PDB file of N, CA and C in Angstrom:
ATOM      1  N   UNK A   1      -6.642  23.041 -22.448  1.00  0.00           N
ATOM      2  CA  UNK A   1      -6.068  21.517 -21.968  1.00  0.00           C
ATOM      3  C   UNK A   1      -6.570  21.477 -20.390  1.00  0.00           C
ATOM      4  N   UNK A   2      -6.916  22.854 -20.014  1.00  0.00           N
ATOM      5  CA  UNK A   2      -7.143  21.422 -17.998  1.00  0.00           C
ATOM      6  C   UNK A   2      -8.274  21.425 -17.825  1.00  0.00           C
ATOM      7  N   UNK A   3      -9.595  21.350 -19.496  1.00  0.00           N
ATOM      8  CA  UNK A   3     -10.651  20.645 -19.246  1.00  0.00           C
ATOM      9  C   UNK A   3     -10.197  18.899 -19.978  1.00  0.00           C
ATOM     10  N   UNK A   4      -9.354  18.795 -20.751  1.00  0.00           N
ATOM     11  CA  UNK A   4      -9.023  17.273 -20.983  1.00  0.00           C
ATOM     12  C   UNK A   4      -8.383  17.100 -19.721  1.00  0.00           C
ATOM     13  N   UNK A   5      -8.043  17.056 -19.325  1.00  0.00           N
ATOM     14  CA  UNK A   5      -7.564  16.426 -18.215  1.00  0.00           C
ATOM     15  C   UNK A   5      -9.060  16.072 -17.087  1.00  0.00           C
ATOM     16  N   UNK A   6      -9.420  17.431 -16.732  1.00  0.00           N
ATOM     17  CA  UNK A   6     -10.589  16.901 -16.285  1.00  0.00           C
ATOM     18  C   UNK A   6     -11.569  16.115 -16.399  1.00  0.00           C
ATOM     19  N   UNK A   7     -11.411  16.010 -17.568  1.00  0.00           N
ATOM     20  CA  UNK A   7     -12.553  14.738 -17.898  1.00  0.00           C
ATOM     21  C   UNK A   7     -11.553  12.829 -18.428  1.00  0.00           C
ATOM     22  N   UNK A   8     -10.228  13.424 -18.387  1.00  0.00           N
ATOM     23  CA  UNK A   8      -9.336  11.929 -18.433  1.00  0.00           C
ATOM     24  C   UNK A   8     -10.172  11.395 -17.062  1.00  0.00           C
ATOM     25  N   UNK A   9      -9.583  12.950 -15.697  1.00  0.00           N
ATOM     26  CA  UNK A   9      -9.568  12.302 -14.170  1.00  0.00           C
ATOM     27  C   UNK A   9     -10.699  12.101 -14.354  1.00  0.00           C
ATOM     28  N   UNK A  10     -12.112  12.716 -14.693  1.00  0.00           N
ATOM     29  CA  UNK A  10     -13.260  11.384 -14.665  1.00  0.00           C
ATOM     30  C   UNK A  10     -13.606   9.986 -15.315  1.00  0.00           C
ATOM     31  N   UNK A  11     -12.912  10.022 -15.733  1.00  0.00           N
ATOM     32  CA  UNK A  11     -13.404   8.921 -17.023  1.00  0.00           C
ATOM     33  C   UNK A  11     -12.510   7.960 -15.875  1.00  0.00           C
ATOM     34  N   UNK A  12     -10.593   8.346 -16.141  1.00  0.00           N
ATOM     35  CA  UNK A  12     -10.817   6.993 -14.841  1.00  0.00           C
ATOM     36  C   UNK A  12     -11.237   6.743 -13.807  1.00  0.00           C
ATOM     37  N   UNK A  13     -12.184   7.709 -12.953  1.00  0.00           N
ATOM     38  CA  UNK A  13     -12.848   8.009 -11.603  1.00  0.00           C
ATOM     39  C   UNK A  13     -13.911   6.985 -11.867  1.00  0.00           C
ATOM     40  N   UNK A  14     -14.901   6.845 -13.348  1.00  0.00           N
ATOM     41  CA  UNK A  14     -16.167   6.147 -13.792  1.00  0.00           C
ATOM     42  C   UNK A  14     -15.420   4.672 -13.771  1.00  0.00           C
ATOM     43  N   UNK A  15     -14.756   4.499 -14.317  1.00  0.00           N
ATOM     44  CA  UNK A  15     -13.889   3.190 -14.810  1.00  0.00           C
ATOM     45  C   UNK A  15     -13.070   2.435 -13.247  1.00  0.00           C
ATOM     46  N   UNK A  16     -13.099   3.378 -12.438  1.00  0.00           N
ATOM     47  CA  UNK A  16     -12.786   2.475 -10.822  1.00  0.00           C
ATOM     48  C   UNK A  16     -14.103   2.016 -10.463  1.00  0.00           C
ATOM     49  N   UNK A  17     -15.287   3.095 -10.793  1.00  0.00           N
ATOM     50  CA  UNK A  17     -16.309   2.828  -9.851  1.00  0.00           C
ATOM     51  C   UNK A  17     -17.205   1.627 -10.515  1.00  0.00           C
ATOM     52  N   UNK A  18     -17.116   1.193 -12.149  1.00  0.00           N
ATOM     53  CA  UNK A  18     -17.485  -0.127 -12.771  1.00  0.00           C
ATOM     54  C   UNK A  18     -16.904  -0.889 -12.566  1.00  0.00           C
ATOM     55  N   UNK A  19     -15.016  -0.640 -12.247  1.00  0.00           N
ATOM     56  CA  UNK A  19     -14.772  -2.428 -11.981  1.00  0.00           C
ATOM     57  C   UNK A  19     -14.935  -2.510 -10.815  1.00  0.00           C
ATOM     58  N   UNK A  20     -14.477  -1.828  -9.792  1.00  0.00           N
ATOM     59  CA  UNK A  20     -15.628  -2.131  -8.216  1.00  0.00           C
ATOM     60  C   UNK A  20     -16.516  -2.713  -8.355  1.00  0.00           C
ATOM     61  N   UNK A  21     -17.434  -2.201  -9.207  1.00  0.00           N
ATOM     62  CA  UNK A  21     -19.052  -3.108  -9.228  1.00  0.00           C
ATOM     63  C   UNK A  21     -19.002  -4.381 -10.053  1.00  0.00           C
ATOM     64  N   UNK A  22     -18.553  -4.345 -10.322  1.00  0.00           N
ATOM     65  CA  UNK A  22     -17.974  -5.520 -11.544  1.00  0.00           C
ATOM     66  C   UNK A  22     -17.353  -6.596 -10.636  1.00  0.00           C
ATOM     67  N   UNK A  23     -16.553  -6.563  -9.546  1.00  0.00           N
ATOM     68  CA  UNK A  23     -15.648  -7.544  -9.066  1.00  0.00           C
ATOM     69  C   UNK A  23     -16.499  -7.595  -7.962  1.00  0.00           C
ATOM     70  N   UNK A  24     -17.368  -6.969  -7.565  1.00  0.00           N
ATOM     71  CA  UNK A  24     -18.056  -7.053  -6.166  1.00  0.00           C
ATOM     72  C   UNK A  24     -19.665  -7.738  -6.665  1.00  0.00           C
ATOM     73  N   UNK A  25     -19.674  -7.823  -8.274  1.00  0.00           N
ATOM     74  CA  UNK A  25     -21.030  -8.425  -8.694  1.00  0.00           C
ATOM     75  C   UNK A  25     -20.128  -9.795  -8.730  1.00  0.00           C
ATOM     76  N   UNK A  26     -19.055 -10.278  -9.349  1.00  0.00           N
ATOM     77  CA  UNK A  26     -18.256 -11.607  -9.555  1.00  0.00           C
ATOM     78  C   UNK A  26     -18.513 -12.466  -8.234  1.00  0.00           C
ATOM     79  N   UNK A  27     -17.740 -11.415  -7.042  1.00  0.00           N
ATOM     80  CA  UNK A  27     -17.765 -12.450  -5.573  1.00  0.00           C
ATOM     81  C   UNK A  27     -19.078 -12.847  -5.745  1.00  0.00           C
ATOM     82  N   UNK A  28     -20.818 -11.505  -5.648  1.00  0.00           N
ATOM     83  CA  UNK A  28     -21.795 -12.649  -5.297  1.00  0.00           C
ATOM     84  C   UNK A  28     -21.735 -13.247  -6.132  1.00  0.00           C
ATOM     85  N   UNK A  29     -21.569 -13.941  -7.338  1.00  0.00           N
ATOM     86  CA  UNK A  29     -21.778 -14.731  -7.808  1.00  0.00           C
ATOM     87  C   UNK A  29     -21.044 -15.789  -7.833  1.00  0.00           C
ATOM     88  N   UNK A  30     -19.984 -15.651  -6.935  1.00  0.00           N
ATOM     89  CA  UNK A  30     -18.517 -16.676  -6.651  1.00  0.00           C
ATOM     90  C   UNK A  30     -18.614 -16.801  -8.285  1.00  0.00           C
ATOM     91  N   UNK A  31     -17.895 -16.333  -8.977  1.00  0.00           N
ATOM     92  CA  UNK A  31     -16.955 -16.712 -10.098  1.00  0.00           C
ATOM     93  C   UNK A  31     -16.171 -15.073 -10.887  1.00  0.00           C
ATOM     94  N   UNK A  32     -15.301 -15.745 -11.264  1.00  0.00           N
ATOM     95  CA  UNK A  32     -14.115 -15.004 -11.892  1.00  0.00           C
ATOM     96  C   UNK A  32     -14.637 -15.064 -13.484  1.00  0.00           C
ATOM     97  N   UNK A  33     -15.188 -15.712 -13.959  1.00  0.00           N
ATOM     98  CA  UNK A  33     -15.388 -15.715 -15.145  1.00  0.00           C
ATOM     99  C   UNK A  33     -15.980 -14.338 -16.164  1.00  0.00           C
ATOM    100  N   UNK A  34     -15.160 -14.019 -17.115  1.00  0.00           N
ATOM    101  CA  UNK A  34     -15.762 -12.731 -17.833  1.00  0.00           C
ATOM    102  C   UNK A  34     -15.317 -11.199 -17.315  1.00  0.00           C
ATOM    103  N   UNK A  35     -14.012 -11.678 -15.988  1.00  0.00           N
ATOM    104  CA  UNK A  35     -13.403 -10.372 -15.842  1.00  0.00           C
ATOM    105  C   UNK A  35     -12.667  -9.947 -16.944  1.00  0.00           C
ATOM    106  N   UNK A  36     -11.846 -11.403 -17.985  1.00  0.00           N
ATOM    107  CA  UNK A  36     -10.478 -10.513 -18.800  1.00  0.00           C
ATOM    108  C   UNK A  36     -10.534  -8.916 -19.649  1.00  0.00           C
ATOM    109  N   UNK A  37     -12.319  -8.983 -19.826  1.00  0.00           N
ATOM    110  CA  UNK A  37     -12.309  -7.590 -20.720  1.00  0.00           C
ATOM    111  C   UNK A  37     -12.372  -5.944 -19.504  1.00  0.00           C
ATOM    112  N   UNK A  38     -12.606  -7.092 -18.179  1.00  0.00           N
ATOM    113  CA  UNK A  38     -12.009  -5.333 -17.263  1.00  0.00           C
ATOM    114  C   UNK A  38     -10.936  -5.801 -16.957  1.00  0.00           C
ATOM    115  N   UNK A  39     -10.171  -6.357 -17.003  1.00  0.00           N
ATOM    116  CA  UNK A  39      -8.154  -6.516 -16.587  1.00  0.00           C
ATOM    117  C   UNK A  39      -7.889  -5.687 -18.268  1.00  0.00           C
ATOM    118  N   UNK A  40      -8.201  -6.004 -19.407  1.00  0.00           N
ATOM    119  CA  UNK A  40      -7.091  -5.712 -20.568  1.00  0.00           C
ATOM    120  C   UNK A  40      -7.465  -4.059 -20.117  1.00  0.00           C
ATOM    121  N   UNK A  41      -8.754  -3.507 -19.992  1.00  0.00           N
ATOM    122  CA  UNK A  41      -8.594  -2.332 -20.204  1.00  0.00           C
ATOM    123  C   UNK A  41      -7.940  -1.447 -18.741  1.00  0.00           C
ATOM    124  N   UNK A  42      -7.921  -2.038 -17.918  1.00  0.00           N
ATOM    125  CA  UNK A  42      -6.882  -2.267 -16.495  1.00  0.00           C
ATOM    126  C   UNK A  42      -5.542  -1.796 -16.944  1.00  0.00           C
ATOM    127  N   UNK A  43      -5.194  -2.548 -18.000  1.00  0.00           N
ATOM    128  CA  UNK A  43      -3.825  -3.431 -18.343  1.00  0.00           C
ATOM    129  C   UNK A  43      -3.384  -2.035 -19.411  1.00  0.00           C
ATOM    130  N   UNK A  44      -4.183  -1.772 -20.550  1.00  0.00           N
ATOM    131  CA  UNK A  44      -3.966  -0.603 -21.336  1.00  0.00           C
ATOM    132  C   UNK A  44      -4.316   1.261 -20.583  1.00  0.00           C
ATOM    133  N   UNK A  45      -4.562   0.975 -19.680  1.00  0.00           N
ATOM    134  CA  UNK A  45      -4.278   2.155 -19.060  1.00  0.00           C
ATOM    135  C   UNK A  45      -3.705   2.481 -18.027  1.00  0.00           C
ATOM    136  N   UNK A  46      -3.053   1.406 -17.743  1.00  0.00           N
ATOM    137  CA  UNK A  46      -2.024   0.966 -16.839  1.00  0.00           C
ATOM    138  C   UNK A  46      -0.312   1.495 -16.987  1.00  0.00           C
ATOM    139  N   UNK A  47      -0.520   0.798 -18.536  1.00  0.00           N
ATOM    140  CA  UNK A  47       0.716   0.609 -18.868  1.00  0.00           C
ATOM    141  C   UNK A  47       1.718   1.767 -19.035  1.00  0.00           C
ATOM    142  N   UNK A  48       1.201   2.635 -20.032  1.00  0.00           N
ATOM    143  CA  UNK A  48       1.640   3.794 -20.342  1.00  0.00           C
ATOM    144  C   UNK A  48       2.160   4.918 -18.999  1.00  0.00           C
ATOM    145  N   UNK A  49       1.836   4.347 -17.608  1.00  0.00           N
ATOM    146  CA  UNK A  49       2.256   5.156 -16.857  1.00  0.00           C
ATOM    147  C   UNK A  49       3.178   4.367 -16.090  1.00  0.00           C
ATOM    148  N   UNK A  50       4.194   5.605 -15.738  1.00  0.00           N
ATOM    149  CA  UNK A  50       5.664   4.732 -15.006  1.00  0.00           C
ATOM    150  C   UNK A  50       4.960   4.011 -13.803  1.00  0.00           C
ATOM    151  N   UNK A  51       4.223   5.040 -12.254  1.00  0.00           N
ATOM    152  CA  UNK A  51       4.182   4.300 -11.903  1.00  0.00           C
ATOM    153  C   UNK A  51       3.679   3.076 -11.243  1.00  0.00           C
ATOM    154  N   UNK A  52       3.224   2.686 -13.044  1.00  0.00           N
ATOM    155  CA  UNK A  52       2.072   1.279 -12.150  1.00  0.00           C
ATOM    156  C   UNK A  52       2.343   0.570 -13.020  1.00  0.00           C
ATOM    157  N   UNK A  53       3.293   0.093 -13.570  1.00  0.00           N
ATOM    158  CA  UNK A  53       3.953  -0.876 -14.347  1.00  0.00           C
ATOM    159  C   UNK A  53       3.709  -2.129 -13.671  1.00  0.00           C
ATOM    160  N   UNK A  54       4.230  -2.466 -12.618  1.00  0.00           N
ATOM    161  CA  UNK A  54       3.996  -3.446 -11.406  1.00  0.00           C
ATOM    162  C   UNK A  54       2.848  -3.932 -10.884  1.00  0.00           C
ATOM    163  N   UNK A  55       1.293  -2.808 -11.758  1.00  0.00           N
ATOM    164  CA  UNK A  55       0.275  -3.196 -11.454  1.00  0.00           C
ATOM    165  C   UNK A  55      -0.436  -4.151 -12.533  1.00  0.00           C
ATOM    166  N   UNK A  56      -0.039  -3.364 -13.909  1.00  0.00           N
ATOM    167  CA  UNK A  56      -0.523  -3.859 -15.277  1.00  0.00           C
ATOM    168  C   UNK A  56      -0.001  -5.343 -15.052  1.00  0.00           C
ATOM    169  N   UNK A  57       1.778  -5.116 -14.752  1.00  0.00           N
ATOM    170  CA  UNK A  57       2.702  -6.878 -14.781  1.00  0.00           C
ATOM    171  C   UNK A  57       1.572  -7.199 -13.897  1.00  0.00           C
ATOM    172  N   UNK A  58       1.524  -7.716 -13.151  1.00  0.00           N
ATOM    173  CA  UNK A  58       0.708  -8.330 -12.464  1.00  0.00           C
ATOM    174  C   UNK A  58      -0.912  -8.345 -12.799  1.00  0.00           C
ATOM    175  N   UNK A  59      -1.592  -7.654 -13.418  1.00  0.00           N
ATOM    176  CA  UNK A  59      -3.198  -7.582 -13.535  1.00  0.00           C
ATOM    177  C   UNK A  59      -2.700  -8.303 -15.329  1.00  0.00           C
ATOM    178  N   UNK A  60      -1.932  -8.651 -16.463  1.00  0.00           N
ATOM    179  CA  UNK A  60      -1.601  -9.436 -16.838  1.00  0.00           C
ATOM    180  C   UNK A  60      -1.499 -10.925 -16.512  1.00  0.00           C
ATOM    181  N   UNK A  61      -0.778 -11.258 -15.485  1.00  0.00           N
ATOM    182  CA  UNK A  61      -0.308 -12.524 -14.427  1.00  0.00           C
ATOM    183  C   UNK A  61      -1.593 -12.684 -14.404  1.00  0.00           C
ATOM    184  N   UNK A  62      -2.896 -11.643 -13.773  1.00  0.00           N
ATOM    185  CA  UNK A  62      -4.112 -12.083 -13.289  1.00  0.00           C
ATOM    186  C   UNK A  62      -5.071 -12.843 -14.145  1.00  0.00           C
ATOM    187  N   UNK A  63      -5.123 -12.164 -15.602  1.00  0.00           N
ATOM    188  CA  UNK A  63      -5.573 -12.780 -16.209  1.00  0.00           C
ATOM    189  C   UNK A  63      -4.784 -14.230 -16.846  1.00  0.00           C
ATOM    190  N   UNK A  64      -3.769 -14.399 -17.003  1.00  0.00           N
ATOM    191  CA  UNK A  64      -3.253 -15.812 -17.115  1.00  0.00           C
ATOM    192  C   UNK A  64      -3.934 -16.704 -16.355  1.00  0.00           C
ATOM    193  N   UNK A  65      -3.656 -16.017 -15.580  1.00  0.00           N
ATOM    194  CA  UNK A  65      -3.972 -17.468 -13.902  1.00  0.00           C
ATOM    195  C   UNK A  65      -5.440 -17.134 -13.782  1.00  0.00           C
ATOM    196  N   UNK A  66      -6.166 -16.873 -14.440  1.00  0.00           N
ATOM    197  CA  UNK A  66      -7.994 -16.561 -14.732  1.00  0.00           C
ATOM    198  C   UNK A  66      -8.233 -17.488 -15.901  1.00  0.00           C
ATOM    199  N   UNK A  67      -7.767 -17.330 -17.092  1.00  0.00           N
ATOM    200  CA  UNK A  67      -7.889 -18.340 -18.176  1.00  0.00           C
ATOM    201  C   UNK A  67      -7.172 -19.669 -18.093  1.00  0.00           C
ATOM    202  N   UNK A  68      -5.878 -19.836 -17.120  1.00  0.00           N
ATOM    203  CA  UNK A  68      -5.564 -21.205 -16.982  1.00  0.00           C
ATOM    204  C   UNK A  68      -6.598 -21.718 -15.499  1.00  0.00           C
ATOM    205  N   UNK A  69      -7.104 -21.220 -14.669  1.00  0.00           N
ATOM    206  CA  UNK A  69      -8.030 -21.604 -14.015  1.00  0.00           C
ATOM    207  C   UNK A  69      -6.601 -22.043 -12.670  1.00  0.00           C
ATOM    208  N   UNK A  70      -6.044 -21.134 -12.208  1.00  0.00           N
ATOM    209  CA  UNK A  70      -5.634 -21.312 -11.150  1.00  0.00           C
ATOM    210  C   UNK A  70      -5.349 -20.622  -9.823  1.00  0.00           C
ATOM    211  N   UNK A  71      -6.296 -21.141  -9.020  1.00  0.00           N
ATOM    212  CA  UNK A  71      -7.663 -20.663  -8.543  1.00  0.00           C
ATOM    213  C   UNK A  71      -5.577 -20.334  -7.030  1.00  0.00           C
ATOM    214  N   UNK A  72      -4.933 -21.024  -6.674  1.00  0.00           N
ATOM    215  CA  UNK A  72      -3.976 -20.779  -6.171  1.00  0.00           C
ATOM    216  C   UNK A  72      -3.657 -19.086  -6.453  1.00  0.00           C
ATOM    217  N   UNK A  73      -2.853 -18.746  -7.419  1.00  0.00           N
ATOM    218  CA  UNK A  73      -2.817 -17.498  -8.057  1.00  0.00           C
ATOM    219  C   UNK A  73      -3.052 -16.775  -8.134  1.00  0.00           C
ATOM    220  N   UNK A  74      -4.473 -17.212  -8.608  1.00  0.00           N
ATOM    221  CA  UNK A  74      -5.626 -16.184  -8.335  1.00  0.00           C
ATOM    222  C   UNK A  74      -5.858 -15.124  -7.411  1.00  0.00           C
ATOM    223  N   UNK A  75      -5.641 -15.911  -6.529  1.00  0.00           N
ATOM    224  CA  UNK A  75      -5.573 -15.467  -4.469  1.00  0.00           C
ATOM    225  C   UNK A  75      -4.975 -14.899  -4.439  1.00  0.00           C
ATOM    226  N   UNK A  76      -3.552 -15.884  -5.043  1.00  0.00           N
ATOM    227  CA  UNK A  76      -2.629 -14.828  -5.052  1.00  0.00           C
ATOM    228  C   UNK A  76      -2.265 -13.109  -5.579  1.00  0.00           C
ATOM    229  N   UNK A  77      -3.033 -13.397  -6.965  1.00  0.00           N
ATOM    230  CA  UNK A  77      -2.658 -11.858  -7.159  1.00  0.00           C
ATOM    231  C   UNK A  77      -3.787 -11.258  -6.768  1.00  0.00           C
ATOM    232  N   UNK A  78      -4.970 -11.345  -6.632  1.00  0.00           N
ATOM    233  CA  UNK A  78      -5.429 -10.519  -6.060  1.00  0.00           C
ATOM    234  C   UNK A  78      -5.335  -9.413  -4.794  1.00  0.00           C
ATOM    235  N   UNK A  79      -5.070 -10.870  -3.589  1.00  0.00           N
ATOM    236  CA  UNK A  79      -4.085  -9.986  -2.533  1.00  0.00           C
ATOM    237  C   UNK A  79      -3.218  -8.666  -2.705  1.00  0.00           C
ATOM    238  N   UNK A  80      -2.649  -9.412  -4.099  1.00  0.00           N
ATOM    239  CA  UNK A  80      -1.313  -8.281  -4.334  1.00  0.00           C
ATOM    240  C   UNK A  80      -1.506  -7.480  -4.825  1.00  0.00           C
ATOM    241  N   UNK A  81      -2.407  -7.191  -5.802  1.00  0.00           N
ATOM    242  CA  UNK A  81      -2.809  -6.455  -6.556  1.00  0.00           C
ATOM    243  C   UNK A  81      -3.790  -5.182  -5.162  1.00  0.00           C
ATOM    244  N   UNK A  82      -4.553  -6.147  -4.335  1.00  0.00           N
ATOM    245  CA  UNK A  82      -5.166  -4.675  -3.360  1.00  0.00           C
ATOM    246  C   UNK A  82      -4.099  -4.296  -3.217  1.00  0.00           C
ATOM    247  N   UNK A  83      -3.052  -4.796  -2.296  1.00  0.00           N
ATOM    248  CA  UNK A  83      -2.257  -4.341  -1.516  1.00  0.00           C
ATOM    249  C   UNK A  83      -1.261  -3.310  -2.527  1.00  0.00           C
ATOM    250  N   UNK A  84      -1.181  -3.215  -3.724  1.00  0.00           N
ATOM    251  CA  UNK A  84       0.017  -2.667  -4.676  1.00  0.00           C
ATOM    252  C   UNK A  84      -1.594  -1.152  -4.803  1.00  0.00           C
ATOM    253  N   UNK A  85      -2.497  -1.660  -5.429  1.00  0.00           N
ATOM    254  CA  UNK A  85      -3.881  -0.961  -5.331  1.00  0.00           C
ATOM    255  C   UNK A  85      -3.619   0.553  -4.261  1.00  0.00           C
ATOM    256  N   UNK A  86      -3.889  -0.692  -2.941  1.00  0.00           N
ATOM    257  CA  UNK A  86      -3.996   1.045  -1.362  1.00  0.00           C
ATOM    258  C   UNK A  86      -3.254   2.039  -1.282  1.00  0.00           C
ATOM    259  N   UNK A  87      -1.689   0.940  -1.933  1.00  0.00           N
ATOM    260  CA  UNK A  87      -0.450   2.331  -1.407  1.00  0.00           C
ATOM    261  C   UNK A  87      -0.468   3.032  -2.505  1.00  0.00           C
ATOM    262  N   UNK A  88      -1.433   2.934  -4.012  1.00  0.00           N
ATOM    263  CA  UNK A  88      -1.604   4.101  -5.295  1.00  0.00           C
ATOM    264  C   UNK A  88      -2.169   4.636  -4.895  1.00  0.00           C
ATOM    265  N   UNK A  89      -3.732   4.449  -4.005  1.00  0.00           N
ATOM    266  CA  UNK A  89      -4.622   5.337  -3.623  1.00  0.00           C
ATOM    267  C   UNK A  89      -3.565   6.449  -2.682  1.00  0.00           C
ATOM    268  N   UNK A  90      -2.480   6.362  -2.309  1.00  0.00           N
ATOM    269  CA  UNK A  90      -1.323   6.708  -1.248  1.00  0.00           C
ATOM    270  C   UNK A  90      -0.978   8.418  -2.424  1.00  0.00           C
ATOM    271  N   UNK A  91      -0.772   7.946  -3.233  1.00  0.00           N
ATOM    272  CA  UNK A  91       0.054   8.960  -4.267  1.00  0.00           C
ATOM    273  C   UNK A  91      -0.662   9.632  -4.747  1.00  0.00           C
ATOM    274  N   UNK A  92      -2.693   9.702  -4.964  1.00  0.00           N
ATOM    275  CA  UNK A  92      -3.655  10.191  -5.241  1.00  0.00           C
ATOM    276  C   UNK A  92      -3.787  10.966  -4.433  1.00  0.00           C
ATOM    277  N   UNK A  93      -5.373  12.012  -5.290  1.00  0.00           N
ATOM    278  CA  UNK A  93      -5.891  13.484  -3.760  1.00  0.00           C
ATOM    279  C   UNK A  93      -7.432  13.013  -3.839  1.00  0.00           C
ATOM    280  N   UNK A  94      -7.939  13.736  -2.761  1.00  0.00           N
ATOM    281  CA  UNK A  94      -9.568  13.729  -3.290  1.00  0.00           C
ATOM    282  C   UNK A  94     -10.029  12.635  -3.467  1.00  0.00           C
ATOM    283  N   UNK A  95     -11.068  12.499  -4.418  1.00  0.00           N
ATOM    284  CA  UNK A  95     -12.287  11.726  -4.873  1.00  0.00           C
ATOM    285  C   UNK A  95     -11.274  10.599  -5.459  1.00  0.00           C
ATOM    286  N   UNK A  96     -10.454  10.893  -6.216  1.00  0.00           N
ATOM    287  CA  UNK A  96      -9.185   9.594  -6.668  1.00  0.00           C
ATOM    288  C   UNK A  96      -9.412   9.297  -6.001  1.00  0.00           C
ATOM    289  N   UNK A  97      -8.305   9.967  -4.711  1.00  0.00           N
ATOM    290  CA  UNK A  97      -7.809   8.803  -4.241  1.00  0.00           C
ATOM    291  C   UNK A  97      -8.819   7.583  -3.309  1.00  0.00           C
ATOM    292  N   UNK A  98      -9.794   8.298  -2.934  1.00  0.00           N
ATOM    293  CA  UNK A  98     -10.959   7.740  -1.972  1.00  0.00           C
ATOM    294  C   UNK A  98     -11.444   6.756  -3.003  1.00  0.00           C
ATOM    295  N   UNK A  99     -11.376   6.420  -4.115  1.00  0.00           N
ATOM    296  CA  UNK A  99     -12.042   5.958  -5.463  1.00  0.00           C
ATOM    297  C   UNK A  99     -10.779   4.473  -5.625  1.00  0.00           C
ATOM    298  N   UNK A 100      -9.493   4.995  -5.615  1.00  0.00           N
ATOM    299  CA  UNK A 100      -8.866   4.156  -5.317  1.00  0.00           C
ATOM    300  C   UNK A 100      -8.781   3.827  -3.967  1.00  0.00           C
ATOM    301  N   UNK A 101      -8.485   3.696  -3.207  1.00  0.00           N
ATOM    302  CA  UNK A 101      -8.469   2.852  -1.996  1.00  0.00           C
ATOM    303  C   UNK A 101      -9.521   1.540  -1.829  1.00  0.00           C
ATOM    304  N   UNK A 102     -10.831   2.311  -2.354  1.00  0.00           N
ATOM    305  CA  UNK A 102     -11.613   1.374  -2.250  1.00  0.00           C
ATOM    306  C   UNK A 102     -11.738   0.565  -3.170  1.00  0.00           C
ATOM    307  N   UNK A 103     -11.063   0.515  -4.558  1.00  0.00           N
ATOM    308  CA  UNK A 103     -10.749  -0.139  -5.485  1.00  0.00           C
ATOM    309  C   UNK A 103      -9.955  -1.385  -5.211  1.00  0.00           C
ATOM    310  N   UNK A 104      -8.644  -1.039  -4.161  1.00  0.00           N
ATOM    311  CA  UNK A 104      -8.043  -1.809  -2.990  1.00  0.00           C
ATOM    312  C   UNK A 104      -8.731  -2.813  -2.056  1.00  0.00           C
ATOM    313  N   UNK A 105      -9.415  -1.901  -1.939  1.00  0.00           N
ATOM    314  CA  UNK A 105     -10.230  -2.916  -1.072  1.00  0.00           C
ATOM    315  C   UNK A 105     -11.157  -4.302  -0.788  1.00  0.00           C
ATOM    316  N   UNK A 106     -12.102  -4.204  -2.554  1.00  0.00           N
ATOM    317  CA  UNK A 106     -12.681  -4.609  -3.213  1.00  0.00           C
ATOM    318  C   UNK A 106     -11.538  -5.751  -4.027  1.00  0.00           C
ATOM    319  N   UNK A 107     -10.609  -5.421  -4.377  1.00  0.00           N
ATOM    320  CA  UNK A 107      -9.448  -6.148  -4.433  1.00  0.00           C
ATOM    321  C   UNK A 107      -9.155  -7.358  -2.960  1.00  0.00           C
ATOM    322  N   UNK A 108      -8.698  -6.429  -2.212  1.00  0.00           N
ATOM    323  CA  UNK A 108      -8.682  -7.363  -1.066  1.00  0.00           C
ATOM    324  C   UNK A 108      -9.454  -8.781  -0.708  1.00  0.00           C
ATOM    325  N   UNK A 109     -10.752  -8.053  -0.924  1.00  0.00           N
ATOM    326  CA  UNK A 109     -11.649  -8.811  -0.153  1.00  0.00           C
ATOM    327  C   UNK A 109     -12.423  -9.974  -1.353  1.00  0.00           C
ATOM    328  N   UNK A 110     -12.285  -9.512  -2.640  1.00  0.00           N
ATOM    329  CA  UNK A 110     -12.205 -10.683  -3.454  1.00  0.00           C
ATOM    330  C   UNK A 110     -11.096 -11.950  -3.308  1.00  0.00           C
ATOM    331  N   UNK A 111      -9.875 -11.311  -3.083  1.00  0.00           N
ATOM    332  CA  UNK A 111      -9.528 -12.370  -2.812  1.00  0.00           C
ATOM    333  C   UNK A 111      -9.722 -13.755  -2.010  1.00  0.00           C
ATOM    334  N   UNK A 112     -10.234 -12.735  -0.476  1.00  0.00           N
ATOM    335  CA  UNK A 112     -10.606 -14.116   0.538  1.00  0.00           C
ATOM    336  C   UNK A 112     -11.705 -14.576  -0.158  1.00  0.00           C
ATOM    337  N   UNK A 113     -12.339 -13.971  -0.680  1.00  0.00           N
ATOM    338  CA  UNK A 113     -13.644 -14.658  -1.358  1.00  0.00           C
ATOM    339  C   UNK A 113     -13.438 -16.124  -2.070  1.00  0.00           C
ATOM    340  N   UNK A 114     -12.594 -15.815  -2.825  1.00  0.00           N
ATOM    341  CA  UNK A 114     -12.215 -16.451  -4.470  1.00  0.00           C
ATOM    342  C   UNK A 114     -11.305 -17.739  -3.592  1.00  0.00           C
ATOM    343  N   UNK A 115     -10.731 -17.374  -2.233  1.00  0.00           N
ATOM    344  CA  UNK A 115     -10.426 -18.423  -1.071  1.00  0.00           C
ATOM    345  C   UNK A 115     -11.147 -19.335  -0.907  1.00  0.00           C
ATOM    346  N   UNK A 116     -12.552 -18.692  -0.907  1.00  0.00           N
ATOM    347  CA  UNK A 116     -13.090 -19.704   0.343  1.00  0.00           C
ATOM    348  C   UNK A 116     -14.372 -20.633  -1.102  1.00  0.00           C
ATOM    349  N   UNK A 117     -14.111 -19.671  -2.065  1.00  0.00           N
ATOM    350  CA  UNK A 117     -15.166 -21.364  -2.675  1.00  0.00           C
ATOM    351  C   UNK A 117     -14.316 -21.533  -4.068  1.00  0.00           C
ATOM    352  N   UNK A 118     -12.773 -21.501  -3.789  1.00  0.00           N
ATOM    353  CA  UNK A 118     -12.087 -21.711  -5.269  1.00  0.00           C
ATOM    354  C   UNK A 118     -12.171 -23.996  -4.332  1.00  0.00           C
TER     355      UNK A 118
END
């Protein structure tokens, strides 16, 4: 059982690394196109966890805002998600906490970047 928990934790950490890379890549390209797949993965993961329903809901709103190309809403939601994710990192431990905090910072940075190029 403990091995399965460790595998799940490692999978989440790998998913966080991939998400941060994806966000940073899109910021560099000044593009938000193609983020739906990453967002859907996180919605699926977080919907099942009690403490993350608000984040999952905001991810769903972000996906809708991207699809409708609503730049103001995208900026606002990325900033909110950055704050929520950074707060969530406080509940995690060790490497996972560091990675979640890094994800929060990447989301906040993305909100500022999108505000500049939208």
